């Protein structure tokens, strides 16, 4: 069972930056596609960004493209989400997610991810 733990959320003013981290418990981390999703109050959970097993390929929602950067360090079993130029509409609980080892599922759908963190709150004030 893969355990994921997010950190780095908080309150920031519009235009500011935050860096989220997600630490994975298992050594299978390098064999797993990773993603970040977010869920605002009253809304469905939505795709934010994803990264391939090696970190070579990255994918972003249009709403965050050019502002957010996903990266990973397989030696540390950690994936990151650098968030710049934050907007009030970025306010949400952010979740880290992992696909099962060696699986190459679609990046965008929550159903393709087998493991989820508990989430970290990001609040952007105007």
Foldseek 3Di string as FASTA:
>chain_A
DKAKAKDWADEEAAQAKIKMKIAIDDLLLLQKKKFKWWDDPPGDIWGAKIAHSNRPDIDGDPVQPPFWDWGDDSVRRMIMIIGGRDDQVVWTWMKMFIAPGNDDDDRTDPVRTDDIYPTDTHGYHD
